[in-house]
Amino acid sequence: MFKMQKEHGTNPSDLVVGIGPCICVKHYEVDEAVLPGAKGNFDLRMANKIQLVEAGVDEKNIEIMPYCTYERTDLFYSYRAEGATGRIATGILITG
């Protein structure tokens, strides 16, 4: 059970989720703190999708933006690519 379900009675199968731009697996190298016993690349998009599906969100209701923030610094900030931070806005809409 995830927090929205516990605190607000949200039915995960009613959710439509958009995963915004993030660093892609090709550029997201992590250490043992993220991948116990290994160092390698981590698929942040897939990790988020798996967590949502395991929480009960219907896979067909998950949209993943294909942009990599590391590769598309013309559109997004990337600390790993540029060594500087910026802001990306997020929105949530509750209907019904």
C-alpha atoms as a PDB file:
ATOM      1  CA  MET A   1       0.000   0.000   0.000  1.00  0.00           C
ATOM      2  CA  PHE A   2       1.420   3.374  -0.901  1.00  0.00           C
ATOM      3  CA  LYS A   3       0.941   6.668   0.911  1.00  0.00           C
ATOM      4  CA  MET A   4      -1.787   8.077  -1.366  1.00  0.00           C
ATOM      5  CA  GLN A   5      -3.800   4.905  -0.898  1.00  0.00           C
ATOM      6  CA  LYS A   6      -3.336   4.841   2.869  1.00  0.00           C
ATOM      7  CA  GLU A   7      -3.916   8.528   3.570  1.00  0.00           C
ATOM      8  CA  HIS A   8      -6.416   9.498   0.857  1.00  0.00           C
ATOM      9  CA  GLY A   9      -8.121   6.245  -0.137  1.00  0.00           C
ATOM     10  CA  THR A  10      -6.698   6.423  -3.653  1.00  0.00           C
ATOM     11  CA  ASN A  11      -7.370   3.385  -5.810  1.00  0.00           C
ATOM     12  CA  PRO A  12      -4.115   2.814  -7.750  1.00  0.00           C
ATOM     13  CA  SER A  13      -6.007   1.365 -10.716  1.00  0.00           C
ATOM     14  CA  ASP A  14      -7.737   4.759 -11.140  1.00  0.00           C
ATOM     15  CA  LEU A  15      -4.440   6.627 -11.565  1.00  0.00           C
ATOM     16  CA  VAL A  16      -2.979   7.925 -14.799  1.00  0.00           C
ATOM     17  CA  VAL A  17       0.726   8.628 -14.313  1.00  0.00           C
ATOM     18  CA  GLY A  18       3.260  10.552 -16.361  1.00  0.00           C
ATOM     19  CA  ILE A  19       6.949  10.000 -15.668  1.00  0.00           C
ATOM     20  CA  GLY A  20       8.737  13.160 -16.674  1.00  0.00           C
ATOM     21  CA  PRO A  21      12.163  13.731 -18.153  1.00  0.00           C
ATOM     22  CA  CYS A  22      15.070  12.156 -16.318  1.00  0.00           C
ATOM     23  CA  ILE A  23      18.546  10.853 -16.925  1.00  0.00           C
ATOM     24  CA  CYS A  24      18.572   7.703 -19.081  1.00  0.00           C
ATOM     25  CA  VAL A  25      20.212   4.416 -18.181  1.00  0.00           C
ATOM     26  CA  LYS A  26      23.076   5.072 -20.616  1.00  0.00           C
ATOM     27  CA  HIS A  27      24.276   8.046 -18.549  1.00  0.00           C
ATOM     28  CA  TYR A  28      23.162   7.113 -15.030  1.00  0.00           C
ATOM     29  CA  GLU A  29      26.081   5.301 -13.438  1.00  0.00           C
ATOM     30  CA  VAL A  30      25.587   4.538  -9.773  1.00  0.00           C
ATOM     31  CA  ASP A  31      27.608   2.908  -7.008  1.00  0.00           C
ATOM     32  CA  GLU A  32      26.914   0.208  -4.426  1.00  0.00           C
ATOM     33  CA  ALA A  33      24.606   2.483  -2.438  1.00  0.00           C
ATOM     34  CA  VAL A  34      22.050   2.075  -5.242  1.00  0.00           C
ATOM     35  CA  LEU A  35      23.106  -1.299  -6.668  1.00  0.00           C
ATOM     36  CA  PRO A  36      24.278  -3.382  -3.698  1.00  0.00           C
ATOM     37  CA  GLY A  37      27.409  -5.359  -4.535  1.00  0.00           C
ATOM     38  CA  ALA A  38      27.891  -3.694  -7.889  1.00  0.00           C
ATOM     39  CA  LYS A  39      28.656  -0.513  -9.742  1.00  0.00           C
ATOM     40  CA  GLY A  40      26.869   0.125 -12.992  1.00  0.00           C
ATOM     41  CA  ASN A  41      24.099   1.877 -14.827  1.00  0.00           C
ATOM     42  CA  PHE A  42      20.633   2.222 -13.338  1.00  0.00           C
ATOM     43  CA  ASP A  43      17.374   2.487 -15.283  1.00  0.00           C
ATOM     44  CA  LEU A  44      15.520   5.155 -13.330  1.00  0.00           C
ATOM     45  CA  ARG A  45      12.524   5.160 -15.692  1.00  0.00           C
ATOM     46  CA  MET A  46      11.999   1.417 -15.397  1.00  0.00           C
ATOM     47  CA  ALA A  47      12.537   1.457 -11.613  1.00  0.00           C
ATOM     48  CA  ASN A  48       9.769   4.044 -11.246  1.00  0.00           C
ATOM     49  CA  LYS A  49       7.455   2.139 -13.584  1.00  0.00           C
ATOM     50  CA  ILE A  50       8.005  -1.124 -11.686  1.00  0.00           C
ATOM     51  CA  GLN A  51       7.215   0.577  -8.366  1.00  0.00           C
ATOM     52  CA  LEU A  52       4.007   2.030  -9.791  1.00  0.00           C
ATOM     53  CA  VAL A  53       2.862  -1.307 -11.231  1.00  0.00           C
ATOM     54  CA  GLU A  54       3.691  -3.091  -7.971  1.00  0.00           C
ATOM     55  CA  ALA A  55       1.587  -0.481  -6.151  1.00  0.00           C
ATOM     56  CA  GLY A  56      -1.368  -1.334  -8.399  1.00  0.00           C
ATOM     57  CA  VAL A  57      -1.218   1.286 -11.165  1.00  0.00           C
ATOM     58  CA  ASP A  58      -2.331  -0.220 -14.486  1.00  0.00           C
ATOM     59  CA  GLU A  59       0.657  -0.383 -16.840  1.00  0.00           C
ATOM     60  CA  LYS A  60      -1.408   1.083 -19.696  1.00  0.00           C
ATOM     61  CA  ASN A  61      -1.966   4.170 -17.520  1.00  0.00           C
ATOM     62  CA  ILE A  62       1.743   4.966 -17.268  1.00  0.00           C
ATOM     63  CA  GLU A  63       3.292   7.305 -19.838  1.00  0.00           C
ATOM     64  CA  ILE A  64       7.066   7.781 -19.845  1.00  0.00           C
ATOM     65  CA  MET A  65       8.609  10.862 -21.437  1.00  0.00           C
ATOM     66  CA  PRO A  66      11.489   9.695 -23.654  1.00  0.00           C
ATOM     67  CA  TYR A  67      13.821  12.655 -23.096  1.00  0.00           C
ATOM     68  CA  CYS A  68      17.127  12.204 -21.305  1.00  0.00           C
ATOM     69  CA  THR A  69      18.031  15.266 -19.253  1.00  0.00           C
ATOM     70  CA  TYR A  70      21.733  14.476 -19.612  1.00  0.00           C
ATOM     71  CA  GLU A  71      21.513  14.416 -23.428  1.00  0.00           C
ATOM     72  CA  ARG A  72      19.005  17.268 -23.823  1.00  0.00           C
ATOM     73  CA  THR A  73      20.531  20.126 -21.867  1.00  0.00           C
ATOM     74  CA  ASP A  74      18.990  22.424 -24.476  1.00  0.00           C
ATOM     75  CA  LEU A  75      15.608  21.545 -22.911  1.00  0.00           C
ATOM     76  CA  PHE A  76      16.368  20.488 -19.315  1.00  0.00           C
ATOM     77  CA  TYR A  77      18.867  21.009 -16.531  1.00  0.00           C
ATOM     78  CA  SER A  78      21.306  18.205 -15.766  1.00  0.00           C
ATOM     79  CA  TYR A  79      23.676  18.388 -12.842  1.00  0.00           C
ATOM     80  CA  ARG A  80      25.610  15.382 -14.133  1.00  0.00           C
ATOM     81  CA  ALA A  81      26.034  16.894 -17.595  1.00  0.00           C
ATOM     82  CA  GLU A  82      26.519  20.544 -16.685  1.00  0.00           C
ATOM     83  CA  GLY A  83      27.603  20.641 -13.043  1.00  0.00           C
ATOM     84  CA  ALA A  84      24.816  23.121 -12.307  1.00  0.00           C
ATOM     85  CA  THR A  85      21.241  22.764 -11.172  1.00  0.00           C
ATOM     86  CA  GLY A  86      17.988  24.284 -12.247  1.00  0.00           C
ATOM     87  CA  ARG A  87      14.311  23.572 -11.715  1.00  0.00           C
ATOM     88  CA  ILE A  88      11.724  21.409 -13.445  1.00  0.00           C
ATOM     89  CA  ALA A  89       8.081  21.947 -12.497  1.00  0.00           C
ATOM     90  CA  THR A  90       5.730  19.085 -11.724  1.00  0.00           C
ATOM     91  CA  GLY A  91       1.948  19.120 -11.742  1.00  0.00           C
ATOM     92  CA  ILE A  92      -0.693  16.918 -10.183  1.00  0.00           C
ATOM     93  CA  LEU A  93      -4.355  16.970 -11.185  1.00  0.00           C
ATOM     94  CA  ILE A  94      -7.092  15.402  -9.097  1.00  0.00           C
ATOM     95  CA  THR A  95     -10.416  14.904 -10.831  1.00  0.00           C
ATOM     96  CA  GLY A  96     -13.751  13.425  -9.826  1.00  0.00           C
END
